[in-house]
Amino acid sequence: MSAINVVKYYFYKGMIPKDPERLQKMVVLAYRTARDRQIYLKAVLIRSDIHDTTSINGVRQKDPKGDHVTLCYKDAEHISADSTRRRKGKHLWPSTDQLEEAPEIGYGDFP
């Protein structure tokens, strides 16, 4: 037996890709990353486009691991508790008025 898991994908307001193909690629990347890490997610905040910088010991610099995308995930536990984590006093998952939901894109795996 299988179940359908509906996942919502968010971007910061004004940061959603204008190109539908790029948008789909970002969503697929987020989905596959969660799947590979075996996270049964409910929502994903795609916090950045592809970039090659990071903060190491508080210093912004070129990421030695290379290009990456910054993602935040919420699973059923996070959703039910409406929890947000903080880093340096900032919410990692901002309020909904600061986010833009991506259009629904059907994506999944078949056994």
PDB file of N, CA and C in Angstrom:
ATOM      1  N   MET A   1       0.838  -1.178   0.000  1.00  0.00           N
ATOM      2  CA  MET A   1       0.000   0.000   0.000  1.00  0.00           C
ATOM      3  C   MET A   1       0.884   1.244   0.000  1.00  0.00           C
ATOM      4  N   SER A   2       0.459   2.245  -0.692  1.00  0.00           N
ATOM      5  CA  SER A   2       1.231   3.484  -0.729  1.00  0.00           C
ATOM      6  C   SER A   2       0.344   4.647  -0.313  1.00  0.00           C
ATOM      7  N   ALA A   3       0.980   5.736   0.006  1.00  0.00           N
ATOM      8  CA  ALA A   3       0.255   6.932   0.423  1.00  0.00           C
ATOM      9  C   ALA A   3       0.717   8.105  -0.422  1.00  0.00           C
ATOM     10  N   ILE A   4      -0.155   9.061  -0.549  1.00  0.00           N
ATOM     11  CA  ILE A   4       0.196  10.285  -1.264  1.00  0.00           C
ATOM     12  C   ILE A   4       0.612  11.316  -0.227  1.00  0.00           C
ATOM     13  N   ASN A   5       1.742  11.911  -0.442  1.00  0.00           N
ATOM     14  CA  ASN A   5       2.249  12.949   0.441  1.00  0.00           C
ATOM     15  C   ASN A   5       2.274  14.252  -0.344  1.00  0.00           C
ATOM     16  N   VAL A   6       1.434  15.185   0.042  1.00  0.00           N
ATOM     17  CA  VAL A   6       1.392  16.479  -0.635  1.00  0.00           C
ATOM     18  C   VAL A   6       2.415  17.400   0.028  1.00  0.00           C
ATOM     19  N   VAL A   7       3.322  17.900  -0.773  1.00  0.00           N
ATOM     20  CA  VAL A   7       4.384  18.774  -0.282  1.00  0.00           C
ATOM     21  C   VAL A   7       4.197  20.153  -0.887  1.00  0.00           C
ATOM     22  N   LYS A   8       4.311  21.177  -0.065  1.00  0.00           N
ATOM     23  CA  LYS A   8       4.234  22.554  -0.547  1.00  0.00           C
ATOM     24  C   LYS A   8       5.656  23.113  -0.608  1.00  0.00           C
ATOM     25  N   TYR A   9       5.914  23.853  -1.668  1.00  0.00           N
ATOM     26  CA  TYR A   9       7.237  24.439  -1.884  1.00  0.00           C
ATOM     27  C   TYR A   9       7.112  25.953  -1.837  1.00  0.00           C
ATOM     28  N   TYR A  10       7.996  26.586  -1.081  1.00  0.00           N
ATOM     29  CA  TYR A  10       7.952  28.028  -0.893  1.00  0.00           C
ATOM     30  C   TYR A  10       9.280  28.668  -1.265  1.00  0.00           C
ATOM     31  N   PHE A  11       9.178  29.932  -1.649  1.00  0.00           N
ATOM     32  CA  PHE A  11      10.335  30.793  -1.887  1.00  0.00           C
ATOM     33  C   PHE A  11      10.085  32.071  -1.107  1.00  0.00           C
ATOM     34  N   TYR A  12      11.137  32.810  -0.803  1.00  0.00           N
ATOM     35  CA  TYR A  12      10.939  34.147  -0.256  1.00  0.00           C
ATOM     36  C   TYR A  12      10.210  34.974  -1.307  1.00  0.00           C
ATOM     37  N   LYS A  13       9.370  35.900  -0.864  1.00  0.00           N
ATOM     38  CA  LYS A  13       8.621  36.744  -1.806  1.00  0.00           C
ATOM     39  C   LYS A  13       9.574  37.415  -2.783  1.00  0.00           C
ATOM     40  N   GLY A  14       9.193  37.367  -4.058  1.00  0.00           N
ATOM     41  CA  GLY A  14       9.985  37.987  -5.108  1.00  0.00           C
ATOM     42  C   GLY A  14      11.156  37.148  -5.589  1.00  0.00           C
ATOM     43  N   MET A  15      11.371  35.975  -4.978  1.00  0.00           N
ATOM     44  CA  MET A  15      12.523  35.143  -5.333  1.00  0.00           C
ATOM     45  C   MET A  15      12.141  33.903  -6.140  1.00  0.00           C
ATOM     46  N   ILE A  16      10.856  33.720  -6.416  1.00  0.00           N
ATOM     47  CA  ILE A  16      10.420  32.541  -7.168  1.00  0.00           C
ATOM     48  C   ILE A  16      10.903  32.669  -8.613  1.00  0.00           C
ATOM     49  N   PRO A  17      11.496  31.623  -9.172  1.00  0.00           N
ATOM     50  CA  PRO A  17      11.992  31.713 -10.554  1.00  0.00           C
ATOM     51  C   PRO A  17      10.873  32.049 -11.540  1.00  0.00           C
ATOM     52  N   LYS A  18      11.140  32.959 -12.440  1.00  0.00           N
ATOM     53  CA  LYS A  18      10.152  33.366 -13.455  1.00  0.00           C
ATOM     54  C   LYS A  18      10.020  32.312 -14.548  1.00  0.00           C
ATOM     55  N   ASP A  19      11.122  31.619 -14.827  1.00  0.00           N
ATOM     56  CA  ASP A  19      11.135  30.589 -15.861  1.00  0.00           C
ATOM     57  C   ASP A  19      10.531  29.300 -15.293  1.00  0.00           C
ATOM     58  N   PRO A  20       9.412  28.808 -15.859  1.00  0.00           N
ATOM     59  CA  PRO A  20       8.767  27.597 -15.339  1.00  0.00           C
ATOM     60  C   PRO A  20       9.691  26.378 -15.305  1.00  0.00           C
ATOM     61  N   GLU A  21      10.579  26.267 -16.279  1.00  0.00           N
ATOM     62  CA  GLU A  21      11.507  25.131 -16.302  1.00  0.00           C
ATOM     63  C   GLU A  21      12.489  25.213 -15.134  1.00  0.00           C
ATOM     64  N   ARG A  22      12.972  26.412 -14.852  1.00  0.00           N
ATOM     65  CA  ARG A  22      13.895  26.613 -13.724  1.00  0.00           C
ATOM     66  C   ARG A  22      13.177  26.316 -12.409  1.00  0.00           C
ATOM     67  N   LEU A  23      11.938  26.776 -12.293  1.00  0.00           N
ATOM     68  CA  LEU A  23      11.136  26.524 -11.100  1.00  0.00           C
ATOM     69  C   LEU A  23      10.992  25.018 -10.877  1.00  0.00           C
ATOM     70  N   GLN A  24      10.652  24.299 -11.927  1.00  0.00           N
ATOM     71  CA  GLN A  24      10.478  22.855 -11.803  1.00  0.00           C
ATOM     72  C   GLN A  24      11.786  22.179 -11.392  1.00  0.00           C
ATOM     73  N   LYS A  25      12.904  22.615 -11.947  1.00  0.00           N
ATOM     74  CA  LYS A  25      14.197  22.029 -11.588  1.00  0.00           C
ATOM     75  C   LYS A  25      14.529  22.262 -10.111  1.00  0.00           C
ATOM     76  N   MET A  26      14.200  23.439  -9.602  1.00  0.00           N
ATOM     77  CA  MET A  26      14.455  23.738  -8.188  1.00  0.00           C
ATOM     78  C   MET A  26      13.599  22.845  -7.286  1.00  0.00           C
ATOM     79  N   VAL A  27      12.326  22.667  -7.657  1.00  0.00           N
ATOM     80  CA  VAL A  27      11.418  21.822  -6.880  1.00  0.00           C
ATOM     81  C   VAL A  27      11.891  20.366  -6.923  1.00  0.00           C
ATOM     82  N   VAL A  28      12.269  19.891  -8.093  1.00  0.00           N
ATOM     83  CA  VAL A  28      12.756  18.514  -8.228  1.00  0.00           C
ATOM     84  C   VAL A  28      14.011  18.308  -7.375  1.00  0.00           C
ATOM     85  N   LEU A  29      14.920  19.267  -7.390  1.00  0.00           N
ATOM     86  CA  LEU A  29      16.133  19.170  -6.578  1.00  0.00           C
ATOM     87  C   LEU A  29      15.786  19.077  -5.094  1.00  0.00           C
ATOM     88  N   ALA A  30      14.868  19.915  -4.638  1.00  0.00           N
ATOM     89  CA  ALA A  30      14.456  19.890  -3.231  1.00  0.00           C
ATOM     90  C   ALA A  30      13.807  18.552  -2.884  1.00  0.00           C
ATOM     91  N   TYR A  31      12.944  18.071  -3.767  1.00  0.00           N
ATOM     92  CA  TYR A  31      12.268  16.791  -3.536  1.00  0.00           C
ATOM     93  C   TYR A  31      13.278  15.648  -3.458  1.00  0.00           C
ATOM     94  N   ARG A  32      14.180  15.583  -4.420  1.00  0.00           N
ATOM     95  CA  ARG A  32      15.156  14.487  -4.457  1.00  0.00           C
ATOM     96  C   ARG A  32      16.099  14.523  -3.256  1.00  0.00           C
ATOM     97  N   THR A  33      16.460  15.715  -2.824  1.00  0.00           N
ATOM     98  CA  THR A  33      17.329  15.836  -1.656  1.00  0.00           C
ATOM     99  C   THR A  33      16.635  15.267  -0.428  1.00  0.00           C
ATOM    100  N   ALA A  34      15.369  15.620  -0.232  1.00  0.00           N
ATOM    101  CA  ALA A  34      14.613  15.098   0.910  1.00  0.00           C
ATOM    102  C   ALA A  34      14.446  13.585   0.799  1.00  0.00           C
ATOM    103  N   ARG A  35      14.141  13.112  -0.388  1.00  0.00           N
ATOM    104  CA  ARG A  35      13.965  11.670  -0.600  1.00  0.00           C
ATOM    105  C   ARG A  35      15.257  10.921  -0.279  1.00  0.00           C
ATOM    106  N   ASP A  36      16.373  11.425  -0.763  1.00  0.00           N
ATOM    107  CA  ASP A  36      17.655  10.762  -0.524  1.00  0.00           C
ATOM    108  C   ASP A  36      18.024  10.747   0.958  1.00  0.00           C
ATOM    109  N   ARG A  37      17.581  11.749   1.688  1.00  0.00           N
ATOM    110  CA  ARG A  37      17.862  11.813   3.128  1.00  0.00           C
ATOM    111  C   ARG A  37      16.762  11.135   3.939  1.00  0.00           C
ATOM    112  N   GLN A  38      15.778  10.576   3.240  1.00  0.00           N
ATOM    113  CA  GLN A  38      14.639   9.877   3.835  1.00  0.00           C
ATOM    114  C   GLN A  38      13.859  10.769   4.792  1.00  0.00           C
ATOM    115  N   ILE A  39      13.607  11.986   4.349  1.00  0.00           N
ATOM    116  CA  ILE A  39      12.790  12.930   5.107  1.00  0.00           C
ATOM    117  C   ILE A  39      11.383  12.886   4.527  1.00  0.00           C
ATOM    118  N   TYR A  40      10.384  12.581   5.373  1.00  0.00           N
ATOM    119  CA  TYR A  40       8.993  12.562   4.929  1.00  0.00           C
ATOM    120  C   TYR A  40       8.453  13.978   5.127  1.00  0.00           C
ATOM    121  N   LEU A  41       8.716  14.823   4.160  1.00  0.00           N
ATOM    122  CA  LEU A  41       8.451  16.239   4.356  1.00  0.00           C
ATOM    123  C   LEU A  41       7.041  16.661   3.988  1.00  0.00           C
ATOM    124  N   LYS A  42       6.660  17.814   4.520  1.00  0.00           N
ATOM    125  CA  LYS A  42       5.367  18.427   4.233  1.00  0.00           C
ATOM    126  C   LYS A  42       5.540  19.774   3.540  1.00  0.00           C
ATOM    127  N   ALA A  43       6.649  20.441   3.804  1.00  0.00           N
ATOM    128  CA  ALA A  43       6.886  21.756   3.207  1.00  0.00           C
ATOM    129  C   ALA A  43       8.388  21.975   3.052  1.00  0.00           C
ATOM    130  N   VAL A  44       8.736  22.713   2.005  1.00  0.00           N
ATOM    131  CA  VAL A  44      10.134  23.036   1.722  1.00  0.00           C
ATOM    132  C   VAL A  44      10.230  24.528   1.441  1.00  0.00           C
ATOM    133  N   LEU A  45      11.179  25.177   2.077  1.00  0.00           N
ATOM    134  CA  LEU A  45      11.503  26.565   1.763  1.00  0.00           C
ATOM    135  C   LEU A  45      12.804  26.538   0.978  1.00  0.00           C
ATOM    136  N   ILE A  46      12.718  26.909  -0.293  1.00  0.00           N
ATOM    137  CA  ILE A  46      13.907  26.987  -1.136  1.00  0.00           C
ATOM    138  C   ILE A  46      14.468  28.389  -0.911  1.00  0.00           C
ATOM    139  N   ARG A  47      15.487  28.473  -0.059  1.00  0.00           N
ATOM    140  CA  ARG A  47      15.980  29.754   0.444  1.00  0.00           C
ATOM    141  C   ARG A  47      16.915  30.482  -0.508  1.00  0.00           C
ATOM    142  N   SER A  48      17.454  29.758  -1.507  1.00  0.00           N
ATOM    143  CA  SER A  48      18.394  30.411  -2.417  1.00  0.00           C
ATOM    144  C   SER A  48      18.390  29.712  -3.762  1.00  0.00           C
ATOM    145  N   ASP A  49      18.943  30.383  -4.732  1.00  0.00           N
ATOM    146  CA  ASP A  49      19.237  29.751  -6.015  1.00  0.00           C
ATOM    147  C   ASP A  49      20.622  29.109  -5.854  1.00  0.00           C
ATOM    148  N   ILE A  50      21.137  28.542  -6.896  1.00  0.00           N
ATOM    149  CA  ILE A  50      22.459  27.926  -6.834  1.00  0.00           C
ATOM    150  C   ILE A  50      23.502  29.018  -6.593  1.00  0.00           C
ATOM    151  N   HIS A  51      24.369  28.774  -5.608  1.00  0.00           N
ATOM    152  CA  HIS A  51      25.431  29.733  -5.294  1.00  0.00           C
ATOM    153  C   HIS A  51      26.657  28.982  -4.768  1.00  0.00           C
ATOM    154  N   ASP A  52      27.786  29.677  -4.716  1.00  0.00           N
ATOM    155  CA  ASP A  52      29.036  29.020  -4.316  1.00  0.00           C
ATOM    156  C   ASP A  52      29.676  29.640  -3.080  1.00  0.00           C
ATOM    157  N   THR A  53      28.866  30.325  -2.265  1.00  0.00           N
ATOM    158  CA  THR A  53      29.417  30.943  -1.063  1.00  0.00           C
ATOM    159  C   THR A  53      28.795  30.314   0.182  1.00  0.00           C
ATOM    160  N   THR A  54      29.504  30.439   1.289  1.00  0.00           N
ATOM    161  CA  THR A  54      29.023  29.941   2.569  1.00  0.00           C
ATOM    162  C   THR A  54      29.659  30.773   3.675  1.00  0.00           C
ATOM    163  N   SER A  55      29.262  30.512   4.897  1.00  0.00           N
ATOM    164  CA  SER A  55      29.858  31.169   6.052  1.00  0.00           C
ATOM    165  C   SER A  55      30.600  30.110   6.865  1.00  0.00           C
ATOM    166  N   ILE A  56      31.895  30.292   7.011  1.00  0.00           N
ATOM    167  CA  ILE A  56      32.713  29.380   7.806  1.00  0.00           C
ATOM    168  C   ILE A  56      33.327  30.189   8.936  1.00  0.00           C
ATOM    169  N   ASN A  57      33.004  29.805  10.169  1.00  0.00           N
ATOM    170  CA  ASN A  57      33.450  30.543  11.355  1.00  0.00           C
ATOM    171  C   ASN A  57      33.069  32.017  11.268  1.00  0.00           C
ATOM    172  N   GLY A  58      31.868  32.284  10.742  1.00  0.00           N
ATOM    173  CA  GLY A  58      31.355  33.641  10.661  1.00  0.00           C
ATOM    174  C   GLY A  58      31.896  34.473   9.513  1.00  0.00           C
ATOM    175  N   VAL A  59      32.704  33.887   8.655  1.00  0.00           N
ATOM    176  CA  VAL A  59      33.300  34.618   7.534  1.00  0.00           C
ATOM    177  C   VAL A  59      32.705  34.096   6.230  1.00  0.00           C
ATOM    178  N   ARG A  60      32.105  35.016   5.438  1.00  0.00           N
ATOM    179  CA  ARG A  60      31.561  34.614   4.136  1.00  0.00           C
ATOM    180  C   ARG A  60      32.713  34.379   3.176  1.00  0.00           C
ATOM    181  N   GLN A  61      32.649  33.231   2.505  1.00  0.00           N
ATOM    182  CA  GLN A  61      33.709  32.873   1.575  1.00  0.00           C
ATOM    183  C   GLN A  61      33.215  31.858   0.556  1.00  0.00           C
ATOM    184  N   LYS A  62      34.045  31.583  -0.423  1.00  0.00           N
ATOM    185  CA  LYS A  62      33.719  30.582  -1.438  1.00  0.00           C
ATOM    186  C   LYS A  62      33.610  29.223  -0.747  1.00  0.00           C
ATOM    187  N   ASP A  63      32.552  28.487  -1.057  1.00  0.00           N
ATOM    188  CA  ASP A  63      32.317  27.194  -0.425  1.00  0.00           C
ATOM    189  C   ASP A  63      33.291  26.157  -0.980  1.00  0.00           C
ATOM    190  N   PRO A  64      34.117  25.550  -0.128  1.00  0.00           N
ATOM    191  CA  PRO A  64      35.069  24.550  -0.615  1.00  0.00           C
ATOM    192  C   PRO A  64      34.382  23.313  -1.198  1.00  0.00           C
ATOM    193  N   LYS A  65      33.108  23.096  -0.855  1.00  0.00           N
ATOM    194  CA  LYS A  65      32.366  21.950  -1.401  1.00  0.00           C
ATOM    195  C   LYS A  65      31.719  22.277  -2.738  1.00  0.00           C
ATOM    196  N   GLY A  66      31.773  23.543  -3.148  1.00  0.00           N
ATOM    197  CA  GLY A  66      31.237  23.932  -4.456  1.00  0.00           C
ATOM    198  C   GLY A  66      29.828  24.497  -4.403  1.00  0.00           C
ATOM    199  N   ASP A  67      29.192  24.505  -5.563  1.00  0.00           N
ATOM    200  CA  ASP A  67      27.855  25.085  -5.703  1.00  0.00           C
ATOM    201  C   ASP A  67      26.824  24.296  -4.904  1.00  0.00           C
ATOM    202  N   HIS A  68      25.825  25.010  -4.395  1.00  0.00           N
ATOM    203  CA  HIS A  68      24.747  24.371  -3.660  1.00  0.00           C
ATOM    204  C   HIS A  68      23.527  25.284  -3.609  1.00  0.00           C
ATOM    205  N   VAL A  69      22.428  24.730  -3.138  1.00  0.00           N
ATOM    206  CA  VAL A  69      21.179  25.453  -2.909  1.00  0.00           C
ATOM    207  C   VAL A  69      20.883  25.335  -1.421  1.00  0.00           C
ATOM    208  N   THR A  70      20.359  26.377  -0.803  1.00  0.00           N
ATOM    209  CA  THR A  70      20.024  26.337   0.611  1.00  0.00           C
ATOM    210  C   THR A  70      18.538  26.031   0.767  1.00  0.00           C
ATOM    211  N   LEU A  71      18.231  24.966   1.509  1.00  0.00           N
ATOM    212  CA  LEU A  71      16.859  24.501   1.685  1.00  0.00           C
ATOM    213  C   LEU A  71      16.531  24.365   3.167  1.00  0.00           C
ATOM    214  N   CYS A  72      15.263  24.568   3.515  1.00  0.00           N
ATOM    215  CA  CYS A  72      14.739  24.263   4.846  1.00  0.00           C
ATOM    216  C   CYS A  72      13.550  23.336   4.655  1.00  0.00           C
ATOM    217  N   TYR A  73      13.433  22.353   5.533  1.00  0.00           N
ATOM    218  CA  TYR A  73      12.339  21.390   5.438  1.00  0.00           C
ATOM    219  C   TYR A  73      11.468  21.435   6.680  1.00  0.00           C
ATOM    220  N   LYS A  74      10.181  21.123   6.495  1.00  0.00           N
ATOM    221  CA  LYS A  74       9.272  20.890   7.614  1.00  0.00           C
ATOM    222  C   LYS A  74       8.620  19.539   7.387  1.00  0.00           C
ATOM    223  N   ASP A  75       8.642  18.717   8.430  1.00  0.00           N
ATOM    224  CA  ASP A  75       7.931  17.447   8.351  1.00  0.00           C
ATOM    225  C   ASP A  75       6.613  17.586   9.120  1.00  0.00           C
ATOM    226  N   ALA A  76       5.871  16.495   9.273  1.00  0.00           N
ATOM    227  CA  ALA A  76       4.567  16.547   9.934  1.00  0.00           C
ATOM    228  C   ALA A  76       4.681  17.075  11.362  1.00  0.00           C
ATOM    229  N   GLU A  77       5.758  16.739  12.058  1.00  0.00           N
ATOM    230  CA  GLU A  77       5.956  17.203  13.431  1.00  0.00           C
ATOM    231  C   GLU A  77       6.130  18.723  13.482  1.00  0.00           C
ATOM    232  N   HIS A  78       6.919  19.271  12.568  1.00  0.00           N
ATOM    233  CA  HIS A  78       7.112  20.721  12.522  1.00  0.00           C
ATOM    234  C   HIS A  78       5.808  21.436  12.193  1.00  0.00           C
ATOM    235  N   ILE A  79       5.038  20.883  11.248  1.00  0.00           N
ATOM    236  CA  ILE A  79       3.789  21.506  10.827  1.00  0.00           C
ATOM    237  C   ILE A  79       2.795  21.537  11.976  1.00  0.00           C
ATOM    238  N   SER A  80       2.645  20.406  12.688  1.00  0.00           N
ATOM    239  CA  SER A  80       1.657  20.336  13.765  1.00  0.00           C
ATOM    240  C   SER A  80       2.030  21.255  14.923  1.00  0.00           C
ATOM    241  N   ALA A  81       3.303  21.424  15.166  1.00  0.00           N
ATOM    242  CA  ALA A  81       3.746  22.293  16.259  1.00  0.00           C
ATOM    243  C   ALA A  81       3.912  23.738  15.808  1.00  0.00           C
ATOM    244  N   ASP A  82       3.760  23.983  14.510  1.00  0.00           N
ATOM    245  CA  ASP A  82       3.996  25.307  13.925  1.00  0.00           C
ATOM    246  C   ASP A  82       5.337  25.858  14.393  1.00  0.00           C
ATOM    247  N   SER A  83       6.332  24.993  14.401  1.00  0.00           N
ATOM    248  CA  SER A  83       7.632  25.391  14.932  1.00  0.00           C
ATOM    249  C   SER A  83       8.489  26.062  13.874  1.00  0.00           C
ATOM    250  N   THR A  84       9.283  26.981  14.327  1.00  0.00           N
ATOM    251  CA  THR A  84      10.308  27.585  13.481  1.00  0.00           C
ATOM    252  C   THR A  84      11.592  27.590  14.288  1.00  0.00           C
ATOM    253  N   ARG A  85      12.672  27.377  13.636  1.00  0.00           N
ATOM    254  CA  ARG A  85      13.955  27.420  14.324  1.00  0.00           C
ATOM    255  C   ARG A  85      14.566  28.791  14.107  1.00  0.00           C
ATOM    256  N   ARG A  86      15.398  29.163  15.033  1.00  0.00           N
ATOM    257  CA  ARG A  86      16.056  30.458  14.921  1.00  0.00           C
ATOM    258  C   ARG A  86      17.552  30.261  14.777  1.00  0.00           C
ATOM    259  N   ARG A  87      18.132  31.167  14.035  1.00  0.00           N
ATOM    260  CA  ARG A  87      19.590  31.198  13.903  1.00  0.00           C
ATOM    261  C   ARG A  87      20.002  32.656  13.956  1.00  0.00           C
ATOM    262  N   LYS A  88      20.848  32.967  14.885  1.00  0.00           N
ATOM    263  CA  LYS A  88      21.307  34.348  15.065  1.00  0.00           C
ATOM    264  C   LYS A  88      20.122  35.298  15.211  1.00  0.00           C
ATOM    265  N   GLY A  89      19.083  34.854  15.925  1.00  0.00           N
ATOM    266  CA  GLY A  89      17.923  35.699  16.188  1.00  0.00           C
ATOM    267  C   GLY A  89      16.937  35.817  15.047  1.00  0.00           C
ATOM    268  N   LYS A  90      17.213  35.192  13.913  1.00  0.00           N
ATOM    269  CA  LYS A  90      16.316  35.269  12.757  1.00  0.00           C
ATOM    270  C   LYS A  90      15.580  33.949  12.591  1.00  0.00           C
ATOM    271  N   HIS A  91      14.327  34.043  12.148  1.00  0.00           N
ATOM    272  CA  HIS A  91      13.568  32.837  11.857  1.00  0.00           C
ATOM    273  C   HIS A  91      14.091  32.217  10.574  1.00  0.00           C
ATOM    274  N   LEU A  92      14.366  30.917  10.617  1.00  0.00           N
ATOM    275  CA  LEU A  92      14.759  30.224   9.395  1.00  0.00           C
ATOM    276  C   LEU A  92      13.543  29.980   8.513  1.00  0.00           C
ATOM    277  N   TRP A  93      12.366  29.887   9.153  1.00  0.00           N
ATOM    278  CA  TRP A  93      11.125  29.706   8.402  1.00  0.00           C
ATOM    279  C   TRP A  93      10.257  30.922   8.713  1.00  0.00           C
ATOM    280  N   PRO A  94      10.258  31.918   7.855  1.00  0.00           N
ATOM    281  CA  PRO A  94       9.522  33.155   8.136  1.00  0.00           C
ATOM    282  C   PRO A  94       8.010  32.960   8.052  1.00  0.00           C
ATOM    283  N   SER A  95       7.275  33.969   8.451  1.00  0.00           N
ATOM    284  CA  SER A  95       5.814  33.912   8.395  1.00  0.00           C
ATOM    285  C   SER A  95       5.350  33.863   6.939  1.00  0.00           C
ATOM    286  N   THR A  96       4.125  33.392   6.739  1.00  0.00           N
ATOM    287  CA  THR A  96       3.606  33.182   5.382  1.00  0.00           C
ATOM    288  C   THR A  96       3.516  34.475   4.577  1.00  0.00           C
ATOM    289  N   ASP A  97       3.394  35.619   5.232  1.00  0.00           N
ATOM    290  CA  ASP A  97       3.318  36.871   4.472  1.00  0.00           C
ATOM    291  C   ASP A  97       4.659  37.245   3.832  1.00  0.00           C
ATOM    292  N   GLN A  98       5.727  36.553   4.225  1.00  0.00           N
ATOM    293  CA  GLN A  98       7.047  36.793   3.634  1.00  0.00           C
ATOM    294  C   GLN A  98       7.415  35.740   2.589  1.00  0.00           C
ATOM    295  N   LEU A  99       6.477  34.810   2.348  1.00  0.00           N
ATOM    296  CA  LEU A  99       6.752  33.699   1.433  1.00  0.00           C
ATOM    297  C   LEU A  99       5.803  33.693   0.251  1.00  0.00           C
ATOM    298  N   GLU A 100       6.233  33.038  -0.803  1.00  0.00           N
ATOM    299  CA  GLU A 100       5.421  32.847  -1.998  1.00  0.00           C
ATOM    300  C   GLU A 100       5.406  31.347  -2.283  1.00  0.00           C
ATOM    301  N   GLU A 101       4.199  30.780  -2.385  1.00  0.00           N
ATOM    302  CA  GLU A 101       4.084  29.345  -2.636  1.00  0.00           C
ATOM    303  C   GLU A 101       4.238  29.062  -4.124  1.00  0.00           C
ATOM    304  N   ALA A 102       5.042  28.069  -4.432  1.00  0.00           N
ATOM    305  CA  ALA A 102       5.228  27.665  -5.830  1.00  0.00           C
ATOM    306  C   ALA A 102       3.955  26.987  -6.324  1.00  0.00           C
ATOM    307  N   PRO A 103       3.645  27.139  -7.611  1.00  0.00           N
ATOM    308  CA  PRO A 103       2.495  26.414  -8.157  1.00  0.00           C
ATOM    309  C   PRO A 103       2.706  24.912  -7.971  1.00  0.00           C
ATOM    310  N   GLU A 104       1.601  24.193  -7.834  1.00  0.00           N
ATOM    311  CA  GLU A 104       1.712  22.747  -7.630  1.00  0.00           C
ATOM    312  C   GLU A 104       2.353  22.085  -8.841  1.00  0.00           C
ATOM    313  N   ILE A 105       3.339  21.263  -8.549  1.00  0.00           N
ATOM    314  CA  ILE A 105       4.039  20.505  -9.578  1.00  0.00           C
ATOM    315  C   ILE A 105       3.972  19.049  -9.141  1.00  0.00           C
ATOM    316  N   GLY A 106       3.353  18.209  -9.945  1.00  0.00           N
ATOM    317  CA  GLY A 106       3.287  16.793  -9.607  1.00  0.00           C
ATOM    318  C   GLY A 106       4.640  16.147  -9.813  1.00  0.00           C
ATOM    319  N   TYR A 107       5.163  15.543  -8.754  1.00  0.00           N
ATOM    320  CA  TYR A 107       6.454  14.887  -8.856  1.00  0.00           C
ATOM    321  C   TYR A 107       6.505  13.787  -7.823  1.00  0.00           C
ATOM    322  N   GLY A 108       7.065  12.671  -8.169  1.00  0.00           N
ATOM    323  CA  GLY A 108       7.164  11.577  -7.217  1.00  0.00           C
ATOM    324  C   GLY A 108       7.907  10.398  -7.796  1.00  0.00           C
ATOM    325  N   ASP A 109       7.908   9.327  -7.032  1.00  0.00           N
ATOM    326  CA  ASP A 109       8.581   8.095  -7.422  1.00  0.00           C
ATOM    327  C   ASP A 109       7.568   6.965  -7.417  1.00  0.00           C
ATOM    328  N   PHE A 110       7.729   6.042  -8.328  1.00  0.00           N
ATOM    329  CA  PHE A 110       6.895   4.849  -8.360  1.00  0.00           C
ATOM    330  C   PHE A 110       7.769   3.649  -8.032  1.00  0.00           C
ATOM    331  N   PRO A 111       7.229   2.698  -7.248  1.00  0.00           N
ATOM    332  CA  PRO A 111       8.031   1.522  -6.877  1.00  0.00           C
ATOM    333  C   PRO A 111       8.345   0.657  -8.083  1.00  0.00           C
TER     334      PRO A 111
END
